[in-house]
C-alpha cells in the first residue's frame, strides 16, 4: 500500500472514531403518554436502577437516568418511553443523551388552543405544538416554542462542554387531543410532517430527520370523548414512510401500540406498556438511523 493510501486510511479511521465519540442525542416530545404514566415501583427488579450509558436533560445538565431519583416525567415516581428506549438503545460505544419535553393533554393542530377549539384558521399565542410555516410565523404555538427552546439549551450545553452533539432522531408520542376533532384528525399526517420538517429546519438538522412516533388509543372501544379516533389512527398509519400512501413522510416510522398494556383508563400505558413503547421506538429508530448510514 502506498504512503498516500496509508494516510487516507488513517484519516478515515480518525473520522470514524470522531463520529463514534460524538454524543448521540434524541429529542422526545408529546403529551401525557410521553410525560409518562408508568409507575417506577412497577418496573421489574431485573431492570437496573441506573440505566447504563443514558443521560437525561434536566434543564441545567445531563444527569444519569436513575429510577426513582431522576425526574423522568412529572415526578421521579413515574416514567415514559425514555426508559425502554434507553435500555434498548444506549451502549458503552454510543451513550444516549435525551432531551424530553411534554405537555399533558395538548394538541398539534393549529385550530386548538389547549382544550378549546378556536377554528380552522391559525392564531397567535395558542397552547399547541403548531410549528408555523416559518421561524417568524406569529402563529407558532406556545408549546412548540417551549419545546424548541429546551432542545436548543440542551444542545448548547453539550457544545459548551466541548462536545459535538449528533441529533440522531425525534421521538413523538401525541395525538389523543387531536382525536377529539374532525379537522385535527383528518389532517394529522400533514401536521406531523410539518412538525418534523419545521423542527429540523429550526435546529439546522438534516431535512429528513429520522422520526419515530407511536400510534395512539389502541384500546377498542375508545372513550367517547375521542370522537375521531379511527381517522387519527389511520392518518398515523398513512404517515409511515413505508405505507405507500400519499401522506407518507420520508424517514418516519410509526410504532403500533396494539397489545401494549394500558391502565384502567384505557388511554395511558402502564409500566409494562411504557417499557414496551420505549423498546419498540428504539428498535424502529435503529432501523432508520442504520439505513441512513
Protein backbone atom coordinates (compact mmCIF):
# COMPACT_ATOMS: atom_id res chain seq x y z
CA UNK A 1 0.00 0.00 0.00
CA UNK A 2 1.33 3.44 -0.93
CA UNK A 3 2.06 6.16 1.63
CA UNK A 4 -0.83 8.20 0.23
CA UNK A 5 -3.20 5.24 0.75
CA UNK A 6 -2.00 4.74 4.30
CA UNK A 7 -2.58 8.40 5.12
CA UNK A 8 -6.06 8.23 3.60
CA UNK A 9 -6.96 5.15 5.65
CA UNK A 10 -5.68 6.83 8.81
CA UNK A 11 -7.80 9.89 8.13
CA UNK A 12 -10.89 7.72 7.62
CA UNK A 13 -10.18 5.86 10.85
CA UNK A 14 -9.83 9.09 12.81
CA UNK A 15 -13.04 10.43 11.30
CA UNK A 16 -14.84 7.21 12.21
CA UNK A 17 -13.64 7.41 15.81
CA UNK A 18 -14.61 11.07 15.98
CA UNK A 19 -18.14 10.36 14.80
CA UNK A 20 -18.50 7.44 17.19
CA UNK A 21 -17.40 9.59 20.11
CA UNK A 22 -19.94 12.31 19.42
CA UNK A 23 -22.89 12.26 21.86
CA UNK A 24 -25.95 10.66 20.29
CA UNK A 25 -28.86 12.96 21.12
CA UNK A 26 -32.52 12.07 20.80
CA UNK A 27 -35.29 14.63 21.04
CA UNK A 28 -38.51 13.47 22.71
CA UNK A 29 -41.85 15.21 22.87
CA UNK A 30 -45.60 14.74 23.10
CA UNK A 31 -48.44 14.81 25.57
CA UNK A 32 -49.33 12.65 28.59
CA UNK A 33 -48.03 9.31 27.31
CA UNK A 34 -44.68 10.96 26.61
CA UNK A 35 -44.81 12.61 30.02
CA UNK A 36 -45.20 9.14 31.45
CA UNK A 37 -47.92 7.19 33.22
CA UNK A 38 -45.93 4.13 34.25
CA UNK A 39 -45.04 3.76 37.92
CA UNK A 40 -41.35 3.30 38.67
CA UNK A 41 -42.37 0.98 41.51
CA UNK A 42 -43.86 -1.39 38.93
CA UNK A 43 -40.67 -1.75 36.88
CA UNK A 44 -39.30 -5.30 37.21
CA UNK A 45 -36.34 -5.80 39.53
CA UNK A 46 -34.38 -7.16 36.56
CA UNK A 47 -34.15 -3.62 35.18
CA UNK A 48 -31.09 -1.79 36.59
CA UNK A 49 -31.95 1.16 38.81
CA UNK A 50 -29.37 3.28 36.97
CA UNK A 51 -29.86 2.91 33.24
CA UNK A 52 -26.38 2.32 31.78
CA UNK A 53 -24.97 4.90 29.35
CA UNK A 54 -28.12 7.05 29.39
CA UNK A 55 -28.45 10.71 30.35
CA UNK A 56 -31.49 12.99 30.57
CA UNK A 57 -31.52 16.78 30.26
CA UNK A 58 -32.89 18.31 33.49
CA UNK A 59 -32.85 21.91 32.34
CA UNK A 60 -29.32 22.57 33.54
CA UNK A 61 -27.28 19.50 32.75
CA UNK A 62 -27.50 15.92 31.52
CA UNK A 63 -27.82 13.64 34.52
CA UNK A 64 -27.64 9.85 34.67
CA UNK A 65 -31.04 8.17 34.45
CA UNK A 66 -31.61 6.69 37.92
CA UNK A 67 -35.02 5.15 38.51
CA UNK A 68 -36.82 6.73 41.45
CA UNK A 69 -34.32 9.57 41.61
CA UNK A 70 -34.17 11.27 38.22
CA UNK A 71 -37.29 13.24 37.33
CA UNK A 72 -38.29 11.34 34.20
CA UNK A 73 -41.83 12.72 33.96
CA UNK A 74 -43.97 14.91 36.19
CA UNK A 75 -42.11 13.46 39.19
CA UNK A 76 -39.44 10.82 39.96
CA UNK A 77 -42.11 8.18 40.60
CA UNK A 78 -43.41 7.94 37.03
CA UNK A 79 -41.79 7.41 33.65
CA UNK A 80 -42.48 7.39 29.93
CA UNK A 81 -40.94 5.67 26.91
CA UNK A 82 -37.47 7.03 27.65
CA UNK A 83 -36.64 4.12 29.97
CA UNK A 84 -37.36 1.35 27.47
CA UNK A 85 -35.75 3.42 24.73
CA UNK A 86 -32.53 3.86 26.71
CA UNK A 87 -32.44 0.22 27.82
CA UNK A 88 -32.52 -0.94 24.22
CA UNK A 89 -30.66 1.92 22.52
CA UNK A 90 -27.85 3.02 24.85
CA UNK A 91 -24.47 1.28 24.70
CA UNK A 92 -21.00 1.94 26.04
CA UNK A 93 -19.91 2.75 22.49
CA UNK A 94 -22.88 5.02 21.86
CA UNK A 95 -24.27 6.58 25.07
CA UNK A 96 -27.58 8.36 24.55
CA UNK A 97 -28.47 11.87 25.64
CA UNK A 98 -32.20 12.50 25.83
CA UNK A 99 -33.94 15.87 25.81
CA UNK A 100 -37.59 15.39 26.70
CA UNK A 101 -40.40 17.93 26.53
CA UNK A 102 -44.04 17.16 27.29
CA UNK A 103 -47.37 18.91 27.79
CA UNK A 104 -50.24 16.76 29.01
CA UNK A 105 -53.49 16.89 27.07
CA UNK A 106 -52.19 19.27 24.42
CA UNK A 107 -52.83 19.34 20.62
CA UNK A 108 -50.74 19.54 17.47
CA UNK A 109 -53.36 21.11 15.19
CA UNK A 110 -53.32 24.91 15.00
CA UNK A 111 -57.08 25.18 15.50
CA UNK A 112 -56.88 24.05 19.10
CA UNK A 113 -55.90 26.31 21.99
CA UNK A 114 -55.22 23.78 24.70
CA UNK A 115 -58.54 22.02 25.13
CA UNK A 116 -60.55 24.77 23.47
CA UNK A 117 -61.47 24.71 19.79
CA UNK A 118 -60.70 28.02 18.06
CA UNK A 119 -61.49 27.13 14.44
CA UNK A 120 -59.52 26.19 11.33
CA UNK A 121 -57.54 29.43 10.99
CA UNK A 122 -54.22 29.76 12.84
CA UNK A 123 -53.98 32.31 15.64
CA UNK A 124 -51.24 33.70 17.90
CA UNK A 125 -50.34 32.58 21.41
CA UNK A 126 -52.27 29.34 21.35
CA UNK A 127 -51.27 26.39 23.55
CA UNK A 128 -50.46 23.83 20.90
CA UNK A 129 -47.49 22.26 19.12
CA UNK A 130 -48.19 24.04 15.82
CA UNK A 131 -44.73 24.83 14.37
CA UNK A 132 -45.84 27.54 11.96
CA UNK A 133 -44.75 27.93 8.38
CA UNK A 134 -41.59 29.96 9.02
CA UNK A 135 -39.42 30.68 12.08
CA UNK A 136 -41.03 34.12 12.47
CA UNK A 137 -44.63 32.98 11.91
CA UNK A 138 -46.69 34.87 14.55
CA UNK A 139 -48.96 31.86 14.94
CA UNK A 140 -46.31 29.39 16.13
CA UNK A 141 -47.79 27.54 19.10
CA UNK A 142 -46.54 28.26 22.60
CA UNK A 143 -45.73 24.59 23.20
CA UNK A 144 -43.62 24.34 20.07
CA UNK A 145 -41.69 27.43 21.13
CA UNK A 146 -41.04 25.97 24.58
CA UNK A 147 -40.03 22.62 23.12
CA UNK A 148 -37.63 24.21 20.65
CA UNK A 149 -36.10 26.37 23.39
CA UNK A 150 -35.47 23.31 25.56
CA UNK A 151 -33.82 21.43 22.71
CA UNK A 152 -31.56 24.37 21.89
CA UNK A 153 -30.48 24.75 25.51
CA UNK A 154 -29.62 21.08 25.87
CA UNK A 155 -27.61 21.03 22.65
CA UNK A 156 -25.87 24.27 23.60
CA UNK A 157 -24.81 22.79 26.94
CA UNK A 158 -23.15 19.83 25.22
CA UNK A 159 -21.40 22.22 22.85
CA UNK A 160 -20.23 24.33 25.79
CA UNK A 161 -18.64 21.19 27.24
CA UNK A 162 -16.59 20.86 24.07
CA UNK A 163 -18.76 18.11 22.61
CA UNK A 164 -20.17 17.89 19.10
CA UNK A 165 -23.70 16.59 19.66
CA UNK A 166 -25.21 14.50 16.90
CA UNK A 167 -29.00 14.61 16.84
CA UNK A 168 -29.92 11.09 15.79
CA UNK A 169 -33.69 11.36 15.80
CA UNK A 170 -37.00 12.68 17.06
CA UNK A 171 -39.47 10.64 19.15
CA UNK A 172 -43.11 11.78 19.19
CA UNK A 173 -45.98 10.43 21.31
CA UNK A 174 -49.08 12.56 20.89
CA UNK A 175 -52.44 12.63 19.16
CA UNK A 176 -55.14 11.88 21.71
CA UNK A 177 -56.15 15.53 21.84
CA UNK A 178 -56.30 15.79 18.05
CA UNK A 179 -58.63 12.77 18.01
CA UNK A 180 -61.29 14.93 19.63
CA UNK A 181 -61.96 16.97 16.46
CA UNK A 182 -62.60 16.08 12.84
CA UNK A 183 -60.32 18.64 11.21
CA UNK A 184 -57.38 17.88 13.50
CA UNK A 185 -57.89 14.15 13.00
CA UNK A 186 -58.15 14.05 9.20
CA UNK A 187 -55.13 16.34 8.73
CA UNK A 188 -52.88 14.68 11.30
CA UNK A 189 -50.36 13.25 8.82
CA UNK A 190 -49.78 16.62 7.15
CA UNK A 191 -49.49 18.33 10.51
CA UNK A 192 -46.99 15.72 11.71
CA UNK A 193 -44.84 16.20 8.62
CA UNK A 194 -44.89 19.97 9.12
CA UNK A 195 -43.77 19.45 12.72
CA UNK A 196 -40.82 17.24 11.79
CA UNK A 197 -39.76 19.41 8.87
CA UNK A 198 -40.02 22.66 10.82
CA UNK A 199 -38.11 21.23 13.78
CA UNK A 200 -35.32 20.02 11.50
CA UNK A 201 -35.10 23.42 9.85
CA UNK A 202 -35.17 25.37 13.12
CA UNK A 203 -32.37 23.23 14.59
CA UNK A 204 -30.42 23.20 11.31
CA UNK A 205 -30.57 19.43 11.04
CA UNK A 206 -31.00 17.11 8.08
CA UNK A 207 -34.31 17.88 6.41
CA UNK A 208 -35.34 14.23 6.75
CA UNK A 209 -34.57 13.95 10.45
CA UNK A 210 -35.41 10.35 11.48
CA UNK A 211 -38.73 10.36 13.32
CA UNK A 212 -40.45 7.59 15.25
CA UNK A 213 -43.94 8.10 16.61
CA UNK A 214 -46.44 5.95 18.45
CA UNK A 215 -49.97 5.22 17.26
CA UNK A 216 -52.34 6.37 19.99
CA UNK A 217 -55.52 4.95 21.51
CA UNK A 218 -55.04 1.21 20.93
CA UNK A 219 -57.97 0.20 23.11
CA UNK A 220 -61.26 -0.73 21.46
CA UNK A 221 -63.76 0.77 22.04
CA UNK A 222 -62.29 4.19 22.67
CA UNK A 223 -63.60 6.52 25.34
CA UNK A 224 -66.50 8.60 23.89
CA UNK A 225 -64.50 11.85 24.02
CA UNK A 226 -62.19 10.57 21.27
CA UNK A 227 -64.79 11.10 18.57
CA UNK A 228 -62.32 10.75 15.69
CA UNK A 229 -60.03 8.03 16.97
CA UNK A 230 -60.35 5.97 13.79
CA UNK A 231 -59.37 8.84 11.49
CA UNK A 232 -56.41 9.82 13.69
CA UNK A 233 -55.06 6.28 13.81
CA UNK A 234 -55.48 5.88 10.06
CA UNK A 235 -53.63 9.14 9.43
CA UNK A 236 -50.82 7.92 11.65
CA UNK A 237 -50.59 4.65 9.72
CA UNK A 238 -50.63 6.51 6.40
CA UNK A 239 -47.83 8.83 7.58
CA UNK A 240 -45.40 5.91 7.91
CA UNK A 241 -42.69 6.12 5.26
CA UNK A 242 -43.47 2.59 4.09
CA UNK A 243 -47.26 2.98 3.90
CA UNK A 244 -47.35 3.56 0.16
CA UNK A 245 -49.88 6.33 0.76
CA UNK A 246 -49.62 9.97 -0.43
CA UNK A 247 -49.38 11.02 3.23
CA UNK A 248 -46.17 9.01 3.79
CA UNK A 249 -43.39 11.01 5.47
CA UNK A 250 -39.84 10.16 4.36
CA UNK A 251 -37.69 8.68 7.13
CA UNK A 252 -40.62 8.38 9.54
CA UNK A 253 -41.79 5.19 11.24
CA UNK A 254 -44.94 4.52 13.22
CA UNK A 255 -44.90 2.16 16.19
CA UNK A 256 -48.16 0.27 16.57
CA UNK A 257 -49.16 0.14 20.23
CA UNK A 258 -51.79 -2.57 19.73
CA UNK A 259 -51.34 -5.07 22.54
CA UNK A 260 -49.31 -2.75 24.76
CA UNK A 261 -50.62 -2.82 28.31
CA UNK A 262 -52.75 0.17 29.31
CA UNK A 263 -54.12 1.41 32.60
CA UNK A 264 -57.77 1.18 33.62
CA UNK A 265 -58.49 4.45 31.82
CA UNK A 266 -57.63 2.62 28.52
CA UNK A 267 -55.67 5.68 27.30
CA UNK A 268 -52.41 5.70 29.24
CA UNK A 269 -49.79 2.97 29.35
CA UNK A 270 -48.85 1.03 32.46
CA UNK A 271 -45.24 0.45 33.46
CA UNK A 272 -45.15 -2.63 31.24
CA UNK A 273 -46.79 -0.71 28.40
CA UNK A 274 -44.34 2.17 28.68
CA UNK A 275 -41.40 -0.23 28.57
CA UNK A 276 -42.93 -1.90 25.51
CA UNK A 277 -43.40 1.50 23.86
CA UNK A 278 -39.85 2.68 24.53
CA UNK A 279 -38.27 -0.57 23.34
CA UNK A 280 -40.35 -0.55 20.16
CA UNK A 281 -39.38 3.06 19.49
CA UNK A 282 -35.70 2.18 19.94
CA UNK A 283 -35.95 -0.72 17.51
CA UNK A 284 -37.69 1.45 14.92
CA UNK A 285 -35.19 4.28 15.37
CA UNK A 286 -32.22 1.92 14.99
CA UNK A 287 -33.56 0.75 11.64
CA UNK A 288 -33.99 4.33 10.43
CA UNK A 289 -30.56 5.54 11.55
CA UNK A 290 -28.72 2.47 10.29
CA UNK A 291 -30.42 2.83 6.91
CA UNK A 292 -29.18 6.41 6.71
CA UNK A 293 -25.54 5.49 7.34
